[in-house]
Amino acid sequence: MMANTASPVDQDVLIVGAGISGIGMAVHLQMHCPDRSFALVERRAQLGGTWDLFRYPGIRSDSDMHTLGFIFEPWKHEKSIADGPAILEYLNRIVDERHIREHIRFDRKVVGADWDSAAACWTVTMEDGEGRTSTTTARWLYLGAGYYDYDEPFDANFAGREDFKGRIVHPQFWPKDLDYKDKRVVVIGSGATAVTIVPSMQEAAHVTMLQRTPTWYFIRPAKDGLANFLRKILPEKLAYKITRYKNVRLQDIAFRRAREKPEKVKEFLTRKLKASLGDHYDAEAFTPPYNPWEQRLCLVPDADFFEAMKAGKASVVTDHVERFDATGIQLKSGKHLDADIIITATGLKLAVAGKIPVRIDGERVDWHEHFYYKACMFSNVPNFSAVFGYLNASWTLRADIVSEYVCRVLNHMKATNTLVATPVLADPSSLEEENVFDFSSGYIQRSLHIMPKSTASLPWRLSQNYVQDRIDMRTGAIDDGILTFTNAKAKAPAAPTELEAAE
């Protein structure tokens, strides 16, 4: 337990969410803070988060597993671009081999988190599937609840939905009983989800991807040849470390080049597309109006999406939806797309702090009024951290360095016999805000009004530079004059009653 306990707590660290972020933090605590007690609470019946929730055909990573995998656990599968079941197997194996499962309480949805400065602890309120509430206390609250709304996706509000006689499906809630064999399917959207679903519905009569705006695609093999070669000749951990380093560097170089020389990158990506599609290449369908990496680059493993087009199983239409009607979709151009099934892959809805009402001494936290600190904590919010992954690299890269950093903070608190760590910002107006989400993606732009603030320079910044962040988070001073270490605050004495005052 932590030293100098102001009042007993049920666990030192409470981790919300048993997906990649939460499981990663649990392992880092075991490795770096073995004296800390911890628990995970998970709203679902299974672990895995995104990888348990999404069940649409072909569900797979859109990052390579040598960087989406954890720093401490080599990825052993032959495929570097992995499907959902393989990722779940990886997470379950970690949880069982490291005895983390017994720390997870499933079917517990967090509905409130309250910080008490006098007790120097969080009281977290949970609800189970029956609606029964319970509470638990923790010194530190670690949010691994992801970045999007689990309850509802983004609704594009297409007119005429009620007129359509077929079935409408959103990928976030894929029905088990969906039979698409020999059906005409229209997938609305052009992001990673749509590009995964289209080539995976081979049994459909035809799948049309209806896009409002084209996307930049990057073709790469599903298998990493170097990784598989190195695994044969080197110890597993060393082979993984080398492949991970190589992929991090390549991601970084590609992103920088896209920002510095966008025309060159456009030419490169277009050349690859033309080579893959041949006569099926259509400039209108594959020339976005924005530069590469102004939105996340869309990965196409083994060119499967383009192979489905060449085989006549799939096609792309660039147009706007006028309305749904009984037999499909009426387009603004005047054309009509006949459909038996419409899949609305129109994107996610972002959520901050898992939509949990967070209060500090009774006052509700408005996240848009707080600044990021070290990409994981927030101005004037004590003993609290959250993971928001990279937009230009794998989610787990941030999850790993955030976990390591929080463990460094916890160990500093133990060494200094303190209980509370708060990134103190006395004058928010002294900081110059900058939109760190320099991405034009719809789901980002729609949510800027709820996101915490960021500045142009560290530490008040959600940076998008993993290589620099890793150095800063691992070697930067913990006691930097901003992160302030204190103990439980004494409660202010109660005001005297009128009778006492009169005496």
Protein backbone atom coordinates (compact mmCIF):
# COMPACT_ATOMS: atom_id res chain seq x y z
CA MET A 1 0.00 0.00 0.00
CA MET A 2 1.02 3.62 -0.45
CA ALA A 3 2.66 5.24 2.50
CA ASN A 4 1.07 7.98 4.56
CA THR A 5 -2.50 6.85 3.93
CA ALA A 6 -4.90 9.62 4.90
CA SER A 7 -7.68 7.07 5.01
CA PRO A 8 -7.78 3.44 3.93
CA VAL A 9 -8.66 2.70 0.29
CA ASP A 10 -9.87 -0.49 -1.39
CA GLN A 11 -6.98 -0.37 -3.85
CA ASP A 12 -4.16 2.00 -4.65
CA VAL A 13 -4.95 2.19 -8.37
CA LEU A 14 -8.34 1.64 -9.98
CA ILE A 15 -8.16 1.01 -13.72
CA VAL A 16 -11.35 1.66 -15.71
CA GLY A 17 -11.58 -0.57 -18.77
CA ALA A 18 -10.08 -3.99 -19.54
CA GLY A 19 -9.06 -3.35 -23.11
CA ILE A 20 -5.58 -2.65 -24.45
CA SER A 21 -5.04 0.45 -22.26
CA GLY A 22 -6.26 -1.10 -19.01
CA ILE A 23 -4.50 -4.43 -19.41
CA GLY A 24 -1.29 -2.62 -20.32
CA MET A 25 -1.43 -0.51 -17.17
CA ALA A 26 -2.06 -3.58 -15.00
CA VAL A 27 1.07 -5.27 -16.35
CA HIS A 28 3.19 -2.12 -15.96
CA LEU A 29 2.04 -1.85 -12.34
CA GLN A 30 3.09 -5.45 -11.74
CA MET A 31 6.49 -4.77 -13.29
CA HIS A 32 7.29 -1.28 -11.97
CA CYS A 33 5.13 -0.87 -8.82
CA PRO A 34 4.81 -4.38 -7.36
CA ASP A 35 3.88 -2.95 -3.95
CA ARG A 36 0.76 -1.25 -5.34
CA SER A 37 -2.64 -2.91 -5.11
CA PHE A 38 -4.86 -2.50 -8.17
CA ALA A 39 -8.16 -3.55 -9.69
CA LEU A 40 -9.78 -3.23 -13.11
CA VAL A 41 -13.47 -2.57 -13.66
CA GLU A 42 -15.00 -3.43 -17.03
CA ARG A 43 -18.53 -2.60 -18.13
CA ARG A 44 -18.72 -5.55 -20.52
CA ALA A 45 -18.85 -9.28 -19.73
CA GLN A 46 -15.54 -9.90 -21.50
CA LEU A 47 -12.20 -8.16 -21.73
CA GLY A 48 -10.83 -6.68 -24.94
CA GLY A 49 -12.74 -3.41 -25.28
CA THR A 50 -12.92 -2.49 -28.97
CA TRP A 51 -11.81 -5.97 -30.00
CA ASP A 52 -14.69 -7.59 -28.13
CA LEU A 53 -17.29 -4.99 -29.11
CA PHE A 54 -16.78 -4.94 -32.87
CA ARG A 55 -17.94 -8.12 -34.61
CA TYR A 56 -18.30 -7.04 -38.24
CA PRO A 57 -16.84 -9.21 -41.04
CA GLY A 58 -13.08 -9.00 -41.37
CA ILE A 59 -12.55 -6.97 -38.16
CA ARG A 60 -8.79 -6.38 -37.97
CA SER A 61 -6.14 -3.97 -36.77
CA ASP A 62 -5.37 -0.93 -38.90
CA SER A 63 -1.88 -0.80 -37.39
CA ASP A 64 0.82 -3.45 -37.42
CA MET A 65 0.81 -5.68 -34.35
CA HIS A 66 4.48 -5.05 -33.64
CA THR A 67 3.45 -1.56 -32.53
CA LEU A 68 -0.18 -2.27 -31.56
CA GLY A 69 1.22 -5.08 -29.42
CA PHE A 70 2.68 -4.20 -26.02
CA ILE A 71 6.32 -3.36 -25.46
CA PHE A 72 6.55 -6.18 -22.90
CA GLU A 73 4.83 -8.97 -24.88
CA PRO A 74 6.08 -10.08 -28.31
CA TRP A 75 3.53 -10.60 -31.09
CA LYS A 76 3.96 -14.23 -32.17
CA HIS A 77 1.53 -14.62 -35.03
CA GLU A 78 2.67 -14.82 -38.63
CA LYS A 79 0.34 -12.02 -39.69
CA SER A 80 1.38 -8.52 -38.66
CA ILE A 81 -2.03 -7.09 -39.62
CA ALA A 82 -4.14 -9.23 -37.33
CA ASP A 83 -7.84 -10.05 -37.13
CA GLY A 84 -9.98 -9.39 -34.07
CA PRO A 85 -9.98 -12.98 -32.72
CA ALA A 86 -6.14 -13.13 -32.85
CA ILE A 87 -5.89 -9.85 -30.93
CA LEU A 88 -8.37 -11.10 -28.31
CA GLU A 89 -6.34 -14.31 -27.95
CA TYR A 90 -3.20 -12.21 -27.38
CA LEU A 91 -4.92 -10.11 -24.68
CA ASN A 92 -6.46 -13.14 -22.96
CA ARG A 93 -3.12 -14.95 -22.89
CA ILE A 94 -1.43 -11.93 -21.24
CA VAL A 95 -4.19 -11.63 -18.66
CA ASP A 96 -4.04 -15.33 -17.75
CA GLU A 97 -0.26 -15.80 -17.80
CA ARG A 98 0.23 -12.75 -15.59
CA HIS A 99 -2.70 -13.52 -13.25
CA ILE A 100 -4.53 -10.29 -14.00
CA ARG A 101 -7.95 -11.85 -14.58
CA GLU A 102 -8.55 -12.18 -10.84
CA HIS A 103 -8.13 -8.39 -10.56
CA ILE A 104 -10.93 -7.68 -13.09
CA ARG A 105 -14.52 -7.06 -12.05
CA PHE A 106 -16.69 -7.53 -15.12
CA ASP A 107 -20.18 -6.12 -15.69
CA ARG A 108 -19.32 -2.96 -13.78
CA LYS A 109 -20.13 0.30 -15.53
CA VAL A 110 -18.59 3.34 -13.86
CA VAL A 111 -21.28 6.01 -13.43
CA GLY A 112 -19.43 8.49 -11.23
CA ALA A 113 -16.00 9.34 -9.85
CA ASP A 114 -15.61 11.72 -6.92
CA TRP A 115 -12.35 13.07 -5.54
CA ASP A 116 -12.25 14.03 -1.88
CA SER A 117 -9.27 16.26 -1.05
CA ALA A 118 -9.64 15.66 2.69
CA ALA A 119 -9.46 11.88 2.26
CA ALA A 120 -7.03 12.13 -0.69
CA CYS A 121 -8.90 9.46 -2.60
CA TRP A 122 -11.43 8.72 -5.33
CA THR A 123 -14.80 7.16 -4.63
CA VAL A 124 -16.01 5.44 -7.78
CA THR A 125 -19.66 4.51 -8.22
CA MET A 126 -20.53 1.53 -10.42
CA GLU A 127 -23.66 -0.11 -11.79
CA ASP A 128 -24.04 -3.76 -12.70
CA GLY A 129 -26.30 -5.21 -15.40
CA GLU A 130 -29.20 -5.40 -12.93
CA GLY A 131 -28.92 -1.70 -12.14
CA ARG A 132 -27.50 -2.30 -8.66
CA THR A 133 -24.95 0.27 -7.55
CA SER A 134 -21.77 -0.21 -5.55
CA THR A 135 -18.77 1.92 -4.69
CA THR A 136 -15.04 1.40 -4.37
CA THR A 137 -12.22 3.72 -3.32
CA ALA A 138 -8.80 4.25 -4.83
CA ARG A 139 -5.89 6.60 -4.43
CA TRP A 140 -5.30 6.89 -8.21
CA LEU A 141 -7.82 6.66 -11.06
CA TYR A 142 -6.52 5.40 -14.41
CA LEU A 143 -8.90 5.66 -17.35
CA GLY A 144 -8.43 3.12 -20.11
CA ALA A 145 -11.97 3.57 -21.39
CA GLY A 146 -11.04 4.31 -25.02
CA TYR A 147 -11.95 7.37 -27.02
CA TYR A 148 -15.42 6.75 -28.41
CA ASP A 149 -18.98 6.34 -27.22
CA TYR A 150 -19.73 2.65 -26.64
CA ASP A 151 -23.48 3.27 -26.42
CA GLU A 152 -24.12 5.12 -29.66
CA PRO A 153 -22.18 5.66 -32.87
CA PHE A 154 -22.25 8.84 -34.93
CA ASP A 155 -25.68 9.15 -36.54
CA ALA A 156 -25.51 10.81 -39.96
CA ASN A 157 -29.33 11.29 -39.86
CA PHE A 158 -30.06 10.12 -43.39
CA ALA A 159 -33.54 11.13 -44.54
CA GLY A 160 -35.98 8.37 -45.40
CA ARG A 161 -34.50 5.65 -43.20
CA GLU A 162 -37.98 4.50 -42.21
CA ASP A 163 -38.93 4.02 -45.88
CA PHE A 164 -36.19 1.46 -46.62
CA LYS A 165 -37.65 -2.06 -46.81
CA GLY A 166 -34.30 -3.81 -46.29
CA ARG A 167 -32.04 -3.88 -43.26
CA ILE A 168 -29.87 -1.02 -41.94
CA VAL A 169 -26.82 -1.99 -39.87
CA HIS A 170 -24.16 0.05 -38.08
CA PRO A 171 -20.83 -1.78 -37.74
CA GLN A 172 -20.58 -0.91 -34.03
CA PHE A 173 -23.64 -3.11 -33.40
CA TRP A 174 -23.29 -5.89 -35.96
CA PRO A 175 -26.17 -8.39 -35.60
CA LYS A 176 -25.25 -12.08 -35.25
CA ASP A 177 -28.08 -13.14 -37.56
CA LEU A 178 -27.23 -10.91 -40.56
CA ASP A 179 -27.48 -13.03 -43.71
CA TYR A 180 -25.93 -11.21 -46.64
CA LYS A 181 -25.49 -14.19 -48.97
CA ASP A 182 -26.47 -13.18 -52.53
CA LYS A 183 -27.71 -9.79 -51.25
CA ARG A 184 -26.96 -6.36 -52.70
CA VAL A 185 -25.06 -4.45 -50.04
CA VAL A 186 -24.23 -0.74 -49.88
CA VAL A 187 -21.58 0.35 -47.35
CA ILE A 188 -21.72 4.09 -46.66
CA GLY A 189 -18.27 5.41 -45.71
CA SER A 190 -14.69 5.22 -46.90
CA GLY A 191 -12.63 4.83 -43.73
CA ALA A 192 -10.91 1.84 -42.17
CA THR A 193 -14.19 0.13 -41.20
CA ALA A 194 -15.72 0.35 -44.67
CA VAL A 195 -12.51 -0.78 -46.36
CA THR A 196 -12.36 -3.79 -44.03
CA ILE A 197 -16.01 -4.80 -44.50
CA VAL A 198 -16.23 -4.51 -48.30
CA PRO A 199 -13.72 -7.26 -49.25
CA SER A 200 -14.88 -9.48 -46.36
CA MET A 201 -18.49 -9.85 -47.61
CA GLN A 202 -17.56 -12.20 -50.45
CA GLU A 203 -20.85 -14.09 -50.23
CA ALA A 204 -22.88 -10.99 -51.10
CA ALA A 205 -24.11 -10.60 -54.67
CA HIS A 206 -22.26 -7.28 -54.83
CA VAL A 207 -20.93 -4.72 -52.35
CA THR A 208 -20.90 -1.03 -53.24
CA MET A 209 -18.87 1.39 -51.16
CA LEU A 210 -20.65 4.75 -51.28
CA GLN A 211 -18.26 7.54 -50.34
CA ARG A 212 -18.84 11.24 -50.04
CA THR A 213 -15.09 11.91 -50.13
CA PRO A 214 -12.24 9.64 -51.27
CA THR A 215 -9.61 8.41 -48.82
CA TRP A 216 -5.86 7.94 -49.13
CA TYR A 217 -5.00 4.23 -49.07
CA PHE A 218 -1.75 2.53 -48.27
CA ILE A 219 -1.17 -1.04 -49.44
CA ARG A 220 1.10 -3.32 -47.42
CA PRO A 221 1.47 -7.08 -46.91
CA ALA A 222 -0.51 -8.59 -44.01
CA LYS A 223 2.65 -10.50 -43.10
CA ASP A 224 5.85 -8.70 -42.12
CA GLY A 225 8.58 -10.62 -43.95
CA LEU A 226 11.42 -9.21 -41.87
CA ALA A 227 9.62 -9.97 -38.59
CA ASN A 228 8.97 -13.58 -39.58
CA PHE A 229 12.57 -14.01 -40.75
CA LEU A 230 14.02 -12.52 -37.55
CA ARG A 231 11.83 -14.77 -35.39
CA LYS A 232 13.48 -17.80 -37.01
CA ILE A 233 17.07 -16.71 -36.31
CA LEU A 234 16.89 -14.58 -33.15
CA PRO A 235 15.42 -14.89 -29.64
CA GLU A 236 11.75 -13.92 -29.73
CA LYS A 237 12.05 -10.77 -27.62
CA LEU A 238 15.00 -9.44 -29.60
CA ALA A 239 13.28 -10.13 -32.94
CA TYR A 240 10.17 -8.30 -31.70
CA LYS A 241 12.21 -5.36 -30.41
CA ILE A 242 13.99 -4.91 -33.76
CA THR A 243 10.74 -5.16 -35.76
CA ARG A 244 8.99 -2.74 -33.42
CA TYR A 245 11.85 -0.24 -33.75
CA LYS A 246 11.78 -0.57 -37.54
CA ASN A 247 8.02 -0.02 -37.73
CA VAL A 248 8.06 2.95 -35.35
CA ARG A 249 10.74 4.61 -37.45
CA LEU A 250 8.90 3.91 -40.70
CA GLN A 251 5.63 5.30 -39.29
CA ASP A 252 7.45 8.43 -38.12
CA ILE A 253 9.29 8.95 -41.41
CA ALA A 254 6.11 8.43 -43.48
CA PHE A 255 4.12 10.91 -41.38
CA ARG A 256 6.85 13.56 -41.49
CA ARG A 257 7.30 13.16 -45.23
CA ALA A 258 3.54 13.51 -45.79
CA ARG A 259 3.56 16.79 -43.87
CA GLU A 260 6.75 18.15 -45.45
CA LYS A 261 6.33 16.95 -49.04
CA PRO A 262 2.65 16.09 -49.54
CA GLU A 263 2.81 16.16 -53.35
CA LYS A 264 5.56 13.53 -53.38
CA VAL A 265 3.55 11.28 -51.06
CA LYS A 266 0.41 11.79 -53.17
CA GLU A 267 2.34 10.69 -56.25
CA PHE A 268 3.74 7.64 -54.45
CA LEU A 269 0.33 6.49 -53.11
CA THR A 270 -1.39 7.11 -56.45
CA ARG A 271 1.27 5.15 -58.32
CA LYS A 272 0.76 2.18 -55.97
CA LEU A 273 -3.02 2.39 -56.41
CA LYS A 274 -2.78 2.46 -60.19
CA ALA A 275 -0.42 -0.52 -60.16
CA SER A 276 -2.84 -2.46 -57.94
CA LEU A 277 -6.10 -1.54 -59.69
CA GLY A 278 -4.96 -1.39 -63.32
CA ASP A 279 -7.98 -0.72 -65.57
CA HIS A 280 -10.20 -0.38 -62.50
CA TYR A 281 -8.43 2.78 -61.31
CA ASP A 282 -10.76 5.79 -61.28
CA ALA A 283 -9.18 9.14 -60.42
CA GLU A 284 -12.45 10.56 -59.08
CA ALA A 285 -12.84 7.67 -56.63
CA PHE A 286 -9.23 7.68 -55.43
CA THR A 287 -8.09 11.32 -55.35
CA PRO A 288 -8.98 12.90 -51.99
CA PRO A 289 -9.33 16.70 -51.73
CA TYR A 290 -6.88 16.72 -48.79
CA ASN A 291 -3.24 15.77 -48.32
CA PRO A 292 -2.13 12.36 -47.00
CA TRP A 293 -2.14 12.22 -43.17
CA GLU A 294 -4.52 15.17 -42.83
CA GLN A 295 -6.74 12.22 -42.03
CA ARG A 296 -5.46 8.86 -40.85
CA LEU A 297 -3.98 6.87 -43.73
CA CYS A 298 -6.20 3.88 -44.50
CA LEU A 299 -4.42 0.55 -44.53
CA VAL A 300 -5.29 -2.09 -47.16
CA PRO A 301 -3.50 -5.36 -46.29
CA ASP A 302 -2.58 -7.49 -49.31
CA ALA A 303 -4.63 -5.04 -51.45
CA ASP A 304 -7.73 -7.12 -50.54
CA PHE A 305 -10.14 -4.21 -51.12
CA PHE A 306 -8.77 -3.66 -54.63
CA GLU A 307 -8.70 -7.39 -55.41
CA ALA A 308 -12.45 -7.51 -54.61
CA MET A 309 -13.01 -4.66 -57.07
CA LYS A 310 -11.01 -6.38 -59.82
CA ALA A 311 -12.97 -9.59 -59.23
CA GLY A 312 -16.23 -7.71 -59.81
CA LYS A 313 -17.42 -8.34 -56.22
CA ALA A 314 -17.12 -4.70 -55.15
CA SER A 315 -17.29 -1.19 -56.58
CA VAL A 316 -16.89 2.40 -55.41
CA VAL A 317 -19.38 5.22 -56.00
CA THR A 318 -18.52 8.83 -55.13
CA ASP A 319 -21.70 10.80 -54.49
CA HIS A 320 -23.92 12.28 -51.77
CA VAL A 321 -26.98 10.66 -50.20
CA GLU A 322 -30.20 12.48 -51.06
CA ARG A 323 -32.37 10.05 -49.10
CA PHE A 324 -33.11 6.41 -48.47
CA ASP A 325 -36.18 5.00 -50.20
CA ALA A 326 -37.94 1.62 -50.26
CA THR A 327 -35.39 -0.09 -52.50
CA GLY A 328 -32.11 1.63 -51.69
CA ILE A 329 -30.48 5.04 -51.83
CA GLN A 330 -31.36 8.00 -53.99
CA LEU A 331 -28.20 9.99 -54.73
CA LYS A 332 -27.91 13.75 -55.22
CA SER A 333 -26.56 13.18 -58.74
CA GLY A 334 -29.92 11.62 -59.68
CA LYS A 335 -28.59 8.05 -59.70
CA HIS A 336 -30.07 5.30 -57.56
CA LEU A 337 -28.27 2.52 -55.69
CA ASP A 338 -30.41 -0.60 -55.26
CA ALA A 339 -29.81 -2.34 -51.94
CA ASP A 340 -31.08 -5.16 -49.76
CA ILE A 341 -28.78 -4.17 -46.88
CA ILE A 342 -27.33 -0.74 -46.06
CA ILE A 343 -24.33 -0.56 -43.73
CA THR A 344 -23.72 2.89 -42.24
CA ALA A 345 -19.95 2.94 -41.62
CA THR A 346 -20.22 6.67 -40.99
CA GLY A 347 -17.90 6.85 -38.03
CA LEU A 348 -17.63 6.94 -34.30
CA LYS A 349 -18.77 9.48 -31.78
CA LEU A 350 -15.96 10.62 -29.49
CA ALA A 351 -16.37 10.55 -25.74
CA VAL A 352 -14.14 12.13 -23.10
CA ALA A 353 -13.33 10.18 -19.92
CA GLY A 354 -15.70 7.42 -20.94
CA LYS A 355 -18.63 9.86 -20.38
CA ILE A 356 -18.10 9.38 -16.62
CA PRO A 357 -19.20 12.37 -14.50
CA VAL A 358 -15.99 13.29 -12.66
CA ARG A 359 -16.15 15.61 -9.65
CA ILE A 360 -13.48 17.24 -7.52
CA ASP A 361 -14.76 18.07 -4.04
CA GLY A 362 -18.28 18.07 -5.41
CA GLU A 363 -17.63 20.24 -8.46
CA ARG A 364 -18.15 18.63 -11.88
CA VAL A 365 -15.12 18.64 -14.17
CA ASP A 366 -15.68 20.25 -17.57
CA TRP A 367 -12.87 18.67 -19.58
CA HIS A 368 -12.88 21.41 -22.21
CA GLU A 369 -11.77 23.83 -19.49
CA HIS A 370 -8.69 21.76 -18.64
CA PHE A 371 -5.37 21.34 -20.44
CA TYR A 372 -3.60 18.09 -21.18
CA TYR A 373 -0.47 17.58 -19.10
CA LYS A 374 2.18 15.18 -20.42
CA ALA A 375 -0.49 13.77 -22.78
CA CYS A 376 -2.16 11.81 -19.98
CA MET A 377 -2.98 14.00 -16.98
CA PHE A 378 -5.02 17.22 -16.80
CA SER A 379 -4.49 20.65 -15.30
CA ASN A 380 -5.62 20.87 -11.67
CA VAL A 381 -7.05 17.32 -11.61
CA PRO A 382 -5.32 15.22 -8.91
CA ASN A 383 -4.30 11.54 -9.11
CA PHE A 384 -5.98 11.03 -12.47
CA SER A 385 -4.68 9.84 -15.84
CA ALA A 386 -6.21 8.73 -19.11
CA VAL A 387 -5.04 7.23 -22.40
CA PHE A 388 -5.80 8.85 -25.75
CA GLY A 389 -3.71 7.09 -28.39
CA TYR A 390 -1.87 8.54 -31.36
CA LEU A 391 -3.74 9.61 -34.48
CA ASN A 392 -0.66 8.99 -36.62
CA ALA A 393 0.64 5.79 -35.03
CA SER A 394 -0.54 2.77 -33.02
CA TRP A 395 -2.74 3.33 -29.97
CA THR A 396 -0.61 1.06 -27.79
CA LEU A 397 2.53 3.13 -28.27
CA ARG A 398 0.91 5.88 -26.17
CA ALA A 399 -0.69 3.40 -23.76
CA ASP A 400 2.73 1.91 -22.99
CA ILE A 401 4.56 5.18 -22.33
CA VAL A 402 1.65 6.60 -20.32
CA SER A 403 1.64 3.48 -18.12
CA GLU A 404 5.40 3.73 -17.60
CA TYR A 405 5.12 7.42 -16.77
CA VAL A 406 2.30 6.98 -14.24
CA CYS A 407 4.35 4.23 -12.57
CA ARG A 408 7.26 6.71 -12.33
CA VAL A 409 4.91 9.22 -10.68
CA LEU A 410 3.62 6.61 -8.22
CA ASN A 411 7.16 5.62 -7.29
CA HIS A 412 8.11 9.27 -6.78
CA MET A 413 5.12 9.64 -4.44
CA LYS A 414 6.28 6.64 -2.46
CA ALA A 415 9.84 8.02 -2.25
CA THR A 416 8.61 11.44 -1.07
CA ASN A 417 5.91 10.02 1.22
CA THR A 418 3.18 12.01 -0.56
CA LEU A 419 -0.33 11.01 -1.56
CA VAL A 420 -1.47 13.50 -4.16
CA ALA A 421 0.02 14.49 -7.54
CA THR A 422 -1.60 17.44 -9.31
CA PRO A 423 -0.46 19.26 -12.47
CA VAL A 424 -1.01 22.76 -11.14
CA LEU A 425 -1.99 25.51 -13.58
CA ALA A 426 -2.64 28.75 -11.75
CA ASP A 427 -3.37 30.91 -14.78
CA PRO A 428 -4.83 29.09 -17.81
CA SER A 429 -4.96 32.37 -19.75
CA SER A 430 -1.14 32.40 -19.74
CA LEU A 431 -1.12 29.45 -22.16
CA GLU A 432 -1.54 29.76 -25.90
CA GLU A 433 -4.00 27.19 -27.16
CA GLU A 434 -3.32 25.17 -30.28
CA ASN A 435 -5.52 22.62 -31.99
CA VAL A 436 -3.32 19.60 -31.59
CA PHE A 437 -5.92 17.60 -33.52
CA ASP A 438 -4.57 18.86 -36.81
CA PHE A 439 -6.71 16.31 -38.63
CA SER A 440 -9.72 16.97 -40.84
CA SER A 441 -11.44 13.65 -39.98
CA GLY A 442 -15.13 14.15 -39.24
CA TYR A 443 -15.10 12.34 -35.89
CA ILE A 444 -12.29 14.66 -34.69
CA GLN A 445 -13.82 17.90 -35.95
CA ARG A 446 -17.26 17.06 -34.55
CA SER A 447 -15.81 16.64 -31.06
CA LEU A 448 -13.36 19.51 -30.60
CA HIS A 449 -15.85 21.31 -28.34
CA ILE A 450 -15.70 18.54 -25.71
CA MET A 451 -11.98 17.72 -25.84
CA PRO A 452 -9.45 18.97 -23.28
CA LYS A 453 -7.27 21.84 -24.46
CA SER A 454 -3.71 21.66 -25.70
CA THR A 455 -0.88 24.11 -26.35
CA ALA A 456 1.91 24.40 -28.88
CA SER A 457 4.58 23.17 -26.49
CA LEU A 458 5.14 20.61 -23.77
CA PRO A 459 4.09 19.80 -21.12
CA TRP A 460 0.56 21.14 -21.71
CA ARG A 461 0.13 19.20 -24.92
CA LEU A 462 -1.29 16.03 -26.43
CA SER A 463 1.65 15.52 -28.75
CA GLN A 464 1.57 13.39 -31.92
CA ASN A 465 5.30 12.61 -31.88
CA TYR A 466 5.86 9.21 -30.26
CA VAL A 467 9.64 9.18 -30.66
CA GLN A 468 10.00 12.49 -28.78
CA ASP A 469 7.27 11.64 -26.26
CA ARG A 470 8.98 8.38 -25.32
CA ILE A 471 12.20 10.23 -24.46
CA ASP A 472 10.36 12.91 -22.48
CA MET A 473 8.08 10.51 -20.58
CA ARG A 474 10.93 8.17 -19.65
CA THR A 475 13.66 10.66 -18.79
CA GLY A 476 11.98 14.00 -18.06
CA ALA A 477 11.96 15.13 -14.43
CA ILE A 478 8.87 13.97 -12.53
CA ASP A 479 9.16 16.85 -10.05
CA ASP A 480 9.23 19.53 -12.76
CA GLY A 481 7.76 22.39 -10.76
CA ILE A 482 4.34 21.84 -12.35
CA LEU A 483 3.39 18.40 -11.09
CA THR A 484 2.91 19.21 -7.43
CA PHE A 485 3.09 16.60 -4.66
CA THR A 486 1.00 17.09 -1.52
CA ASN A 487 -0.94 15.16 1.10
CA ALA A 488 -4.54 15.10 2.25
CA LYS A 489 -5.97 18.55 2.82
CA ALA A 490 -7.29 19.28 6.28
CA LYS A 491 -10.97 20.05 6.24
CA ALA A 492 -11.77 23.69 6.89
CA PRO A 493 -13.23 24.16 10.37
CA ALA A 494 -17.00 24.47 10.36
CA ALA A 495 -18.38 27.98 10.71
CA PRO A 496 -19.52 28.66 14.30
CA THR A 497 -23.21 28.45 14.97
CA GLU A 498 -25.07 31.63 15.96
CA LEU A 499 -25.20 30.46 19.57
CA GLU A 500 -21.40 29.83 19.67
CA ALA A 501 -20.77 33.20 18.03
CA ALA A 502 -22.94 34.94 20.59
CA GLU A 503 -20.97 33.36 23.41
